[in-house]
Amino acid sequence: MSKMEYNYPISHHWTTEEIIDVVAFFQAVENAYESQIAREKFMDAYKAFKKVVPSIAEEKTIFKEFEEASGFNSYRIVKKAKEGQDGDMITFK
């Protein structure tokens, strides 16, 4: 399956490191949809994302932009990961 072409929602106010953390989070969401990802790895990516985007309102906006561009619902994967336990594999099937 080839990757779709779309842009990640990023802010020009973020540092290079922050952009890397946000992109890594969205890649973790993609992994959950396209195959699977270890819950711990996903939660680490989400925690790094939350350091860049601490506001719930901004998170919702960015998640919506990403879903409109990619078709992947980040909120569903975050919810599933939060409800899971260490050792779980997160997948959206």
PDB file of N, CA and C in Angstrom:
ATOM      1  N   MET A   1       0.851  -1.180   0.000  1.00  0.00           N
ATOM      2  CA  MET A   1       0.000   0.000   0.000  1.00  0.00           C
ATOM      3  C   MET A   1       0.894   1.240   0.000  1.00  0.00           C
ATOM      4  N   SER A   2       0.709   2.118  -0.937  1.00  0.00           N
ATOM      5  CA  SER A   2       1.539   3.311  -0.999  1.00  0.00           C
ATOM      6  C   SER A   2       0.933   4.407  -0.125  1.00  0.00           C
ATOM      7  N   LYS A   3       1.814   5.221   0.413  1.00  0.00           N
ATOM      8  CA  LYS A   3       1.373   6.333   1.256  1.00  0.00           C
ATOM      9  C   LYS A   3       0.624   7.350   0.414  1.00  0.00           C
ATOM     10  N   MET A   4      -0.432   7.871   0.979  1.00  0.00           N
ATOM     11  CA  MET A   4      -1.168   8.934   0.306  1.00  0.00           C
ATOM     12  C   MET A   4      -0.340  10.215   0.403  1.00  0.00           C
ATOM     13  N   GLU A   5      -0.595  11.108  -0.512  1.00  0.00           N
ATOM     14  CA  GLU A   5       0.105  12.385  -0.495  1.00  0.00           C
ATOM     15  C   GLU A   5      -0.757  13.423   0.209  1.00  0.00           C
ATOM     16  N   TYR A   6      -0.302  13.883   1.349  1.00  0.00           N
ATOM     17  CA  TYR A   6      -0.979  14.959   2.065  1.00  0.00           C
ATOM     18  C   TYR A   6       0.037  15.605   2.995  1.00  0.00           C
ATOM     19  N   ASN A   7      -0.304  16.779   3.467  1.00  0.00           N
ATOM     20  CA  ASN A   7       0.573  17.503   4.368  1.00  0.00           C
ATOM     21  C   ASN A   7       0.107  17.321   5.802  1.00  0.00           C
ATOM     22  N   TYR A   8       1.068  17.260   6.696  1.00  0.00           N
ATOM     23  CA  TYR A   8       0.745  17.203   8.121  1.00  0.00           C
ATOM     24  C   TYR A   8       0.414  18.607   8.604  1.00  0.00           C
ATOM     25  N   PRO A   9      -0.545  18.723   9.528  1.00  0.00           N
ATOM     26  CA  PRO A   9      -0.860  20.050  10.067  1.00  0.00           C
ATOM     27  C   PRO A   9       0.261  20.493  11.016  1.00  0.00           C
ATOM     28  N   ILE A  10       0.998  21.492  10.609  1.00  0.00           N
ATOM     29  CA  ILE A  10       2.075  21.997  11.460  1.00  0.00           C
ATOM     30  C   ILE A  10       1.992  23.520  11.522  1.00  0.00           C
ATOM     31  N   SER A  11       2.556  24.072  12.557  1.00  0.00           N
ATOM     32  CA  SER A  11       2.561  25.521  12.751  1.00  0.00           C
ATOM     33  C   SER A  11       3.953  26.072  12.482  1.00  0.00           C
ATOM     34  N   HIS A  12       4.009  27.204  11.840  1.00  0.00           N
ATOM     35  CA  HIS A  12       5.304  27.840  11.596  1.00  0.00           C
ATOM     36  C   HIS A  12       5.916  28.393  12.892  1.00  0.00           C
ATOM     37  N   HIS A  13       5.154  28.366  13.980  1.00  0.00           N
ATOM     38  CA  HIS A  13       5.657  28.823  15.280  1.00  0.00           C
ATOM     39  C   HIS A  13       6.462  27.732  15.995  1.00  0.00           C
ATOM     40  N   TRP A  14       6.333  26.491  15.548  1.00  0.00           N
ATOM     41  CA  TRP A  14       7.016  25.385  16.213  1.00  0.00           C
ATOM     42  C   TRP A  14       8.476  25.317  15.804  1.00  0.00           C
ATOM     43  N   THR A  15       9.297  24.800  16.724  1.00  0.00           N
ATOM     44  CA  THR A  15      10.706  24.557  16.415  1.00  0.00           C
ATOM     45  C   THR A  15      10.814  23.299  15.557  1.00  0.00           C
ATOM     46  N   THR A  16      11.978  23.078  14.994  1.00  0.00           N
ATOM     47  CA  THR A  16      12.213  21.867  14.201  1.00  0.00           C
ATOM     48  C   THR A  16      11.929  20.626  15.040  1.00  0.00           C
ATOM     49  N   GLU A  17      12.397  20.624  16.292  1.00  0.00           N
ATOM     50  CA  GLU A  17      12.181  19.467  17.183  1.00  0.00           C
ATOM     51  C   GLU A  17      10.691  19.248  17.433  1.00  0.00           C
ATOM     52  N   GLU A  18       9.949  20.333  17.624  1.00  0.00           N
ATOM     53  CA  GLU A  18       8.507  20.207  17.855  1.00  0.00           C
ATOM     54  C   GLU A  18       7.806  19.661  16.615  1.00  0.00           C
ATOM     55  N   ILE A  19       8.207  20.124  15.445  1.00  0.00           N
ATOM     56  CA  ILE A  19       7.620  19.607  14.205  1.00  0.00           C
ATOM     57  C   ILE A  19       7.907  18.114  14.073  1.00  0.00           C
ATOM     58  N   ILE A  20       9.120  17.708  14.394  1.00  0.00           N
ATOM     59  CA  ILE A  20       9.477  16.282  14.332  1.00  0.00           C
ATOM     60  C   ILE A  20       8.582  15.474  15.271  1.00  0.00           C
ATOM     61  N   ASP A  21       8.337  15.987  16.488  1.00  0.00           N
ATOM     62  CA  ASP A  21       7.481  15.280  17.452  1.00  0.00           C
ATOM     63  C   ASP A  21       6.042  15.169  16.949  1.00  0.00           C
ATOM     64  N   VAL A  22       5.524  16.234  16.355  1.00  0.00           N
ATOM     65  CA  VAL A  22       4.144  16.213  15.848  1.00  0.00           C
ATOM     66  C   VAL A  22       4.023  15.249  14.666  1.00  0.00           C
ATOM     67  N   VAL A  23       4.979  15.314  13.748  1.00  0.00           N
ATOM     68  CA  VAL A  23       4.960  14.405  12.601  1.00  0.00           C
ATOM     69  C   VAL A  23       5.082  12.956  13.072  1.00  0.00           C
ATOM     70  N   ALA A  24       5.940  12.704  14.058  1.00  0.00           N
ATOM     71  CA  ALA A  24       6.098  11.339  14.595  1.00  0.00           C
ATOM     72  C   ALA A  24       4.779  10.838  15.185  1.00  0.00           C
ATOM     73  N   PHE A  25       4.041  11.719  15.852  1.00  0.00           N
ATOM     74  CA  PHE A  25       2.739  11.329  16.400  1.00  0.00           C
ATOM     75  C   PHE A  25       1.779  10.934  15.276  1.00  0.00           C
ATOM     76  N   PHE A  26       1.703  11.762  14.234  1.00  0.00           N
ATOM     77  CA  PHE A  26       0.784  11.436  13.144  1.00  0.00           C
ATOM     78  C   PHE A  26       1.223  10.173  12.404  1.00  0.00           C
ATOM     79  N   GLN A  27       2.511   9.920  12.332  1.00  0.00           N
ATOM     80  CA  GLN A  27       2.990   8.666  11.745  1.00  0.00           C
ATOM     81  C   GLN A  27       2.583   7.488  12.624  1.00  0.00           C
ATOM     82  N   ALA A  28       2.555   7.679  13.938  1.00  0.00           N
ATOM     83  CA  ALA A  28       2.087   6.623  14.848  1.00  0.00           C
ATOM     84  C   ALA A  28       0.605   6.337  14.617  1.00  0.00           C
ATOM     85  N   VAL A  29      -0.181   7.385  14.394  1.00  0.00           N
ATOM     86  CA  VAL A  29      -1.609   7.208  14.065  1.00  0.00           C
ATOM     87  C   VAL A  29      -1.731   6.420  12.757  1.00  0.00           C
ATOM     88  N   GLU A  30      -0.940   6.800  11.760  1.00  0.00           N
ATOM     89  CA  GLU A  30      -0.960   6.075  10.482  1.00  0.00           C
ATOM     90  C   GLU A  30      -0.613   4.610  10.682  1.00  0.00           C
ATOM     91  N   ASN A  31       0.393   4.332  11.512  1.00  0.00           N
ATOM     92  CA  ASN A  31       0.776   2.942  11.780  1.00  0.00           C
ATOM     93  C   ASN A  31      -0.381   2.164  12.393  1.00  0.00           C
ATOM     94  N   ALA A  32      -1.111   2.785  13.314  1.00  0.00           N
ATOM     95  CA  ALA A  32      -2.251   2.114  13.951  1.00  0.00           C
ATOM     96  C   ALA A  32      -3.326   1.779  12.921  1.00  0.00           C
ATOM     97  N   TYR A  33      -3.531   2.648  11.959  1.00  0.00           N
ATOM     98  CA  TYR A  33      -4.539   2.394  10.916  1.00  0.00           C
ATOM     99  C   TYR A  33      -4.047   1.395   9.878  1.00  0.00           C
ATOM    100  N   GLU A  34      -2.794   1.508   9.476  1.00  0.00           N
ATOM    101  CA  GLU A  34      -2.293   0.701   8.369  1.00  0.00           C
ATOM    102  C   GLU A  34      -1.794  -0.675   8.803  1.00  0.00           C
ATOM    103  N   SER A  35      -1.350  -0.813  10.044  1.00  0.00           N
ATOM    104  CA  SER A  35      -0.924  -2.115  10.553  1.00  0.00           C
ATOM    105  C   SER A  35      -1.180  -2.155  12.053  1.00  0.00           C
ATOM    106  N   GLN A  36      -0.160  -1.875  12.841  1.00  0.00           N
ATOM    107  CA  GLN A  36      -0.321  -1.815  14.297  1.00  0.00           C
ATOM    108  C   GLN A  36       0.891  -1.121  14.887  1.00  0.00           C
ATOM    109  N   ILE A  37       0.747  -0.706  16.158  1.00  0.00           N
ATOM    110  CA  ILE A  37       1.846  -0.050  16.865  1.00  0.00           C
ATOM    111  C   ILE A  37       1.743  -0.433  18.334  1.00  0.00           C
ATOM    112  N   ALA A  38       2.867  -0.616  18.979  1.00  0.00           N
ATOM    113  CA  ALA A  38       2.872  -0.925  20.410  1.00  0.00           C
ATOM    114  C   ALA A  38       2.281   0.257  21.176  1.00  0.00           C
ATOM    115  N   ARG A  39       1.419  -0.042  22.149  1.00  0.00           N
ATOM    116  CA  ARG A  39       0.772   1.012  22.927  1.00  0.00           C
ATOM    117  C   ARG A  39       1.799   1.949  23.547  1.00  0.00           C
ATOM    118  N   GLU A  40       2.883   1.411  24.114  1.00  0.00           N
ATOM    119  CA  GLU A  40       3.890   2.247  24.772  1.00  0.00           C
ATOM    120  C   GLU A  40       4.513   3.229  23.778  1.00  0.00           C
ATOM    121  N   LYS A  41       4.813   2.742  22.594  1.00  0.00           N
ATOM    122  CA  LYS A  41       5.413   3.600  21.563  1.00  0.00           C
ATOM    123  C   LYS A  41       4.428   4.695  21.151  1.00  0.00           C
ATOM    124  N   PHE A  42       3.161   4.306  20.991  1.00  0.00           N
ATOM    125  CA  PHE A  42       2.152   5.294  20.625  1.00  0.00           C
ATOM    126  C   PHE A  42       1.989   6.337  21.719  1.00  0.00           C
ATOM    127  N   MET A  43       1.900   5.899  22.976  1.00  0.00           N
ATOM    128  CA  MET A  43       1.709   6.843  24.075  1.00  0.00           C
ATOM    129  C   MET A  43       2.913   7.767  24.226  1.00  0.00           C
ATOM    130  N   ASP A  44       4.120   7.263  23.970  1.00  0.00           N
ATOM    131  CA  ASP A  44       5.303   8.135  24.001  1.00  0.00           C
ATOM    132  C   ASP A  44       5.181   9.229  22.933  1.00  0.00           C
ATOM    133  N   ALA A  45       4.724   8.848  21.748  1.00  0.00           N
ATOM    134  CA  ALA A  45       4.550   9.821  20.668  1.00  0.00           C
ATOM    135  C   ALA A  45       3.458  10.826  21.027  1.00  0.00           C
ATOM    136  N   TYR A  46       2.394  10.342  21.666  1.00  0.00           N
ATOM    137  CA  TYR A  46       1.301  11.242  22.055  1.00  0.00           C
ATOM    138  C   TYR A  46       1.761  12.207  23.143  1.00  0.00           C
ATOM    139  N   LYS A  47       2.522  11.710  24.114  1.00  0.00           N
ATOM    140  CA  LYS A  47       3.028  12.589  25.182  1.00  0.00           C
ATOM    141  C   LYS A  47       3.932  13.679  24.606  1.00  0.00           C
ATOM    142  N   ALA A  48       4.774  13.327  23.637  1.00  0.00           N
ATOM    143  CA  ALA A  48       5.634  14.329  22.986  1.00  0.00           C
ATOM    144  C   ALA A  48       4.773  15.343  22.221  1.00  0.00           C
ATOM    145  N   PHE A  49       3.729  14.851  21.559  1.00  0.00           N
ATOM    146  CA  PHE A  49       2.795  15.726  20.841  1.00  0.00           C
ATOM    147  C   PHE A  49       2.134  16.702  21.817  1.00  0.00           C
ATOM    148  N   LYS A  50       1.708  16.207  22.980  1.00  0.00           N
ATOM    149  CA  LYS A  50       1.016  17.051  23.959  1.00  0.00           C
ATOM    150  C   LYS A  50       1.933  18.124  24.541  1.00  0.00           C
ATOM    151  N   LYS A  51       3.240  17.893  24.557  1.00  0.00           N
ATOM    152  CA  LYS A  51       4.170  18.937  25.003  1.00  0.00           C
ATOM    153  C   LYS A  51       4.179  20.098  24.007  1.00  0.00           C
ATOM    154  N   VAL A  52       3.977  19.777  22.739  1.00  0.00           N
ATOM    155  CA  VAL A  52       3.936  20.799  21.690  1.00  0.00           C
ATOM    156  C   VAL A  52       2.549  21.439  21.634  1.00  0.00           C
ATOM    157  N   VAL A  53       1.516  20.613  21.821  1.00  0.00           N
ATOM    158  CA  VAL A  53       0.114  21.065  21.696  1.00  0.00           C
ATOM    159  C   VAL A  53      -0.620  20.744  23.000  1.00  0.00           C
ATOM    160  N   PRO A  54      -0.377  21.530  24.056  1.00  0.00           N
ATOM    161  CA  PRO A  54      -1.022  21.217  25.340  1.00  0.00           C
ATOM    162  C   PRO A  54      -2.512  21.542  25.387  1.00  0.00           C
ATOM    163  N   SER A  55      -2.973  22.451  24.549  1.00  0.00           N
ATOM    164  CA  SER A  55      -4.367  22.882  24.560  1.00  0.00           C
ATOM    165  C   SER A  55      -5.278  21.845  23.900  1.00  0.00           C
ATOM    166  N   ILE A  56      -6.363  21.498  24.602  1.00  0.00           N
ATOM    167  CA  ILE A  56      -7.346  20.553  24.050  1.00  0.00           C
ATOM    168  C   ILE A  56      -7.983  21.139  22.786  1.00  0.00           C
ATOM    169  N   ALA A  57      -8.293  22.424  22.814  1.00  0.00           N
ATOM    170  CA  ALA A  57      -8.924  23.057  21.654  1.00  0.00           C
ATOM    171  C   ALA A  57      -7.994  22.999  20.439  1.00  0.00           C
ATOM    172  N   GLU A  58      -6.711  23.310  20.643  1.00  0.00           N
ATOM    173  CA  GLU A  58      -5.761  23.261  19.533  1.00  0.00           C
ATOM    174  C   GLU A  58      -5.572  21.820  19.054  1.00  0.00           C
ATOM    175  N   GLU A  59      -5.543  20.875  20.011  1.00  0.00           N
ATOM    176  CA  GLU A  59      -5.433  19.457  19.645  1.00  0.00           C
ATOM    177  C   GLU A  59      -6.595  19.061  18.740  1.00  0.00           C
ATOM    178  N   LYS A  60      -7.818  19.423  19.125  1.00  0.00           N
ATOM    179  CA  LYS A  60      -8.996  19.072  18.327  1.00  0.00           C
ATOM    180  C   LYS A  60      -8.896  19.657  16.922  1.00  0.00           C
ATOM    181  N   THR A  61      -8.446  20.909  16.828  1.00  0.00           N
ATOM    182  CA  THR A  61      -8.306  21.560  15.522  1.00  0.00           C
ATOM    183  C   THR A  61      -7.286  20.824  14.660  1.00  0.00           C
ATOM    184  N   ILE A  62      -6.142  20.494  15.253  1.00  0.00           N
ATOM    185  CA  ILE A  62      -5.085  19.807  14.502  1.00  0.00           C
ATOM    186  C   ILE A  62      -5.533  18.405  14.109  1.00  0.00           C
ATOM    187  N   PHE A  63      -6.204  17.693  15.025  1.00  0.00           N
ATOM    188  CA  PHE A  63      -6.723  16.360  14.707  1.00  0.00           C
ATOM    189  C   PHE A  63      -7.705  16.441  13.537  1.00  0.00           C
ATOM    190  N   LYS A  64      -8.568  17.468  13.547  1.00  0.00           N
ATOM    191  CA  LYS A  64      -9.556  17.623  12.476  1.00  0.00           C
ATOM    192  C   LYS A  64      -8.855  17.889  11.138  1.00  0.00           C
ATOM    193  N   GLU A  65      -7.850  18.771  11.155  1.00  0.00           N
ATOM    194  CA  GLU A  65      -7.101  19.057   9.927  1.00  0.00           C
ATOM    195  C   GLU A  65      -6.436  17.793   9.393  1.00  0.00           C
ATOM    196  N   PHE A  66      -5.851  17.004  10.298  1.00  0.00           N
ATOM    197  CA  PHE A  66      -5.186  15.769   9.879  1.00  0.00           C
ATOM    198  C   PHE A  66      -6.192  14.779   9.314  1.00  0.00           C
ATOM    199  N   GLU A  67      -7.353  14.656   9.960  1.00  0.00           N
ATOM    200  CA  GLU A  67      -8.363  13.713   9.462  1.00  0.00           C
ATOM    201  C   GLU A  67      -8.885  14.146   8.091  1.00  0.00           C
ATOM    202  N   GLU A  68      -9.087  15.447   7.903  1.00  0.00           N
ATOM    203  CA  GLU A  68      -9.563  15.928   6.602  1.00  0.00           C
ATOM    204  C   GLU A  68      -8.533  15.649   5.505  1.00  0.00           C
ATOM    205  N   ALA A  69      -7.255  15.739   5.844  1.00  0.00           N
ATOM    206  CA  ALA A  69      -6.195  15.520   4.856  1.00  0.00           C
ATOM    207  C   ALA A  69      -5.939  14.039   4.600  1.00  0.00           C
ATOM    208  N   SER A  70      -6.015  13.228   5.676  1.00  0.00           N
ATOM    209  CA  SER A  70      -5.578  11.829   5.583  1.00  0.00           C
ATOM    210  C   SER A  70      -6.699  10.801   5.642  1.00  0.00           C
ATOM    211  N   GLY A  71      -7.809  11.154   6.286  1.00  0.00           N
ATOM    212  CA  GLY A  71      -8.876  10.193   6.531  1.00  0.00           C
ATOM    213  C   GLY A  71      -8.689   9.424   7.831  1.00  0.00           C
ATOM    214  N   PHE A  72      -7.604   9.703   8.557  1.00  0.00           N
ATOM    215  CA  PHE A  72      -7.312   8.989   9.808  1.00  0.00           C
ATOM    216  C   PHE A  72      -7.803   9.803  11.002  1.00  0.00           C
ATOM    217  N   ASN A  73      -8.596   9.172  11.865  1.00  0.00           N
ATOM    218  CA  ASN A  73      -9.139   9.827  13.047  1.00  0.00           C
ATOM    219  C   ASN A  73      -8.191   9.604  14.228  1.00  0.00           C
ATOM    220  N   SER A  74      -7.424  10.621  14.571  1.00  0.00           N
ATOM    221  CA  SER A  74      -6.438  10.520  15.657  1.00  0.00           C
ATOM    222  C   SER A  74      -7.103  10.280  17.004  1.00  0.00           C
ATOM    223  N   TYR A  75      -8.251  10.936  17.238  1.00  0.00           N
ATOM    224  CA  TYR A  75      -8.923  10.822  18.524  1.00  0.00           C
ATOM    225  C   TYR A  75      -9.266   9.363  18.843  1.00  0.00           C
ATOM    226  N   ARG A  76      -9.759   8.632  17.859  1.00  0.00           N
ATOM    227  CA  ARG A  76     -10.122   7.223  18.093  1.00  0.00           C
ATOM    228  C   ARG A  76      -8.916   6.403  18.544  1.00  0.00           C
ATOM    229  N   ILE A  77      -7.762   6.667  17.933  1.00  0.00           N
ATOM    230  CA  ILE A  77      -6.569   5.901  18.278  1.00  0.00           C
ATOM    231  C   ILE A  77      -6.060   6.302  19.662  1.00  0.00           C
ATOM    232  N   VAL A  78      -6.085   7.595  19.968  1.00  0.00           N
ATOM    233  CA  VAL A  78      -5.670   8.056  21.304  1.00  0.00           C
ATOM    234  C   VAL A  78      -6.569   7.433  22.362  1.00  0.00           C
ATOM    235  N   LYS A  79      -7.878   7.437  22.122  1.00  0.00           N
ATOM    236  CA  LYS A  79      -8.835   6.859  23.078  1.00  0.00           C
ATOM    237  C   LYS A  79      -8.551   5.368  23.287  1.00  0.00           C
ATOM    238  N   LYS A  80      -8.337   4.662  22.192  1.00  0.00           N
ATOM    239  CA  LYS A  80      -8.059   3.227  22.270  1.00  0.00           C
ATOM    240  C   LYS A  80      -6.761   2.972  23.046  1.00  0.00           C
ATOM    241  N   ALA A  81      -5.742   3.791  22.789  1.00  0.00           N
ATOM    242  CA  ALA A  81      -4.460   3.629  23.472  1.00  0.00           C
ATOM    243  C   ALA A  81      -4.598   3.930  24.964  1.00  0.00           C
ATOM    244  N   LYS A  82      -5.344   4.976  25.314  1.00  0.00           N
ATOM    245  CA  LYS A  82      -5.536   5.334  26.726  1.00  0.00           C
ATOM    246  C   LYS A  82      -6.296   4.241  27.474  1.00  0.00           C
ATOM    247  N   GLU A  83      -7.209   3.571  26.786  1.00  0.00           N
ATOM    248  CA  GLU A  83      -8.000   2.504  27.415  1.00  0.00           C
ATOM    249  C   GLU A  83      -7.227   1.191  27.496  1.00  0.00           C
ATOM    250  N   GLY A  84      -6.153   1.083  26.718  1.00  0.00           N
ATOM    251  CA  GLY A  84      -5.371  -0.154  26.686  1.00  0.00           C
ATOM    252  C   GLY A  84      -4.396  -0.252  27.847  1.00  0.00           C
ATOM    253  N   GLN A  85      -3.581  -1.285  27.784  1.00  0.00           N
ATOM    254  CA  GLN A  85      -2.574  -1.521  28.817  1.00  0.00           C
ATOM    255  C   GLN A  85      -1.230  -1.733  28.149  1.00  0.00           C
ATOM    256  N   ASP A  86      -0.156  -1.495  28.916  1.00  0.00           N
ATOM    257  CA  ASP A  86       1.175  -1.745  28.380  1.00  0.00           C
ATOM    258  C   ASP A  86       1.259  -3.179  27.887  1.00  0.00           C
ATOM    259  N   GLY A  87       1.903  -3.364  26.758  1.00  0.00           N
ATOM    260  CA  GLY A  87       1.992  -4.677  26.139  1.00  0.00           C
ATOM    261  C   GLY A  87       0.985  -4.861  25.019  1.00  0.00           C
ATOM    262  N   ASP A  88      -0.046  -4.007  25.000  1.00  0.00           N
ATOM    263  CA  ASP A  88      -1.060  -4.077  23.941  1.00  0.00           C
ATOM    264  C   ASP A  88      -0.500  -3.557  22.632  1.00  0.00           C
ATOM    265  N   MET A  89      -1.034  -4.093  21.542  1.00  0.00           N
ATOM    266  CA  MET A  89      -0.764  -3.548  20.224  1.00  0.00           C
ATOM    267  C   MET A  89      -2.000  -2.743  19.838  1.00  0.00           C
ATOM    268  N   ILE A  90      -1.779  -1.520  19.379  1.00  0.00           N
ATOM    269  CA  ILE A  90      -2.901  -0.651  19.000  1.00  0.00           C
ATOM    270  C   ILE A  90      -3.072  -0.746  17.487  1.00  0.00           C
ATOM    271  N   THR A  91      -4.291  -1.036  17.089  1.00  0.00           N
ATOM    272  CA  THR A  91      -4.625  -1.124  15.673  1.00  0.00           C
ATOM    273  C   THR A  91      -6.050  -0.664  15.503  1.00  0.00           C
ATOM    274  N   PHE A  92      -6.372  -0.172  14.342  1.00  0.00           N
ATOM    275  CA  PHE A  92      -7.745   0.216  14.078  1.00  0.00           C
ATOM    276  C   PHE A  92      -8.325  -0.728  13.056  1.00  0.00           C
ATOM    277  N   LYS A  93      -8.993  -1.748  13.555  1.00  0.00           N
ATOM    278  CA  LYS A  93      -9.634  -2.743  12.697  1.00  0.00           C
ATOM    279  C   LYS A  93     -11.104  -2.809  13.051  1.00  0.00           C
TER     280      LYS A  93
END
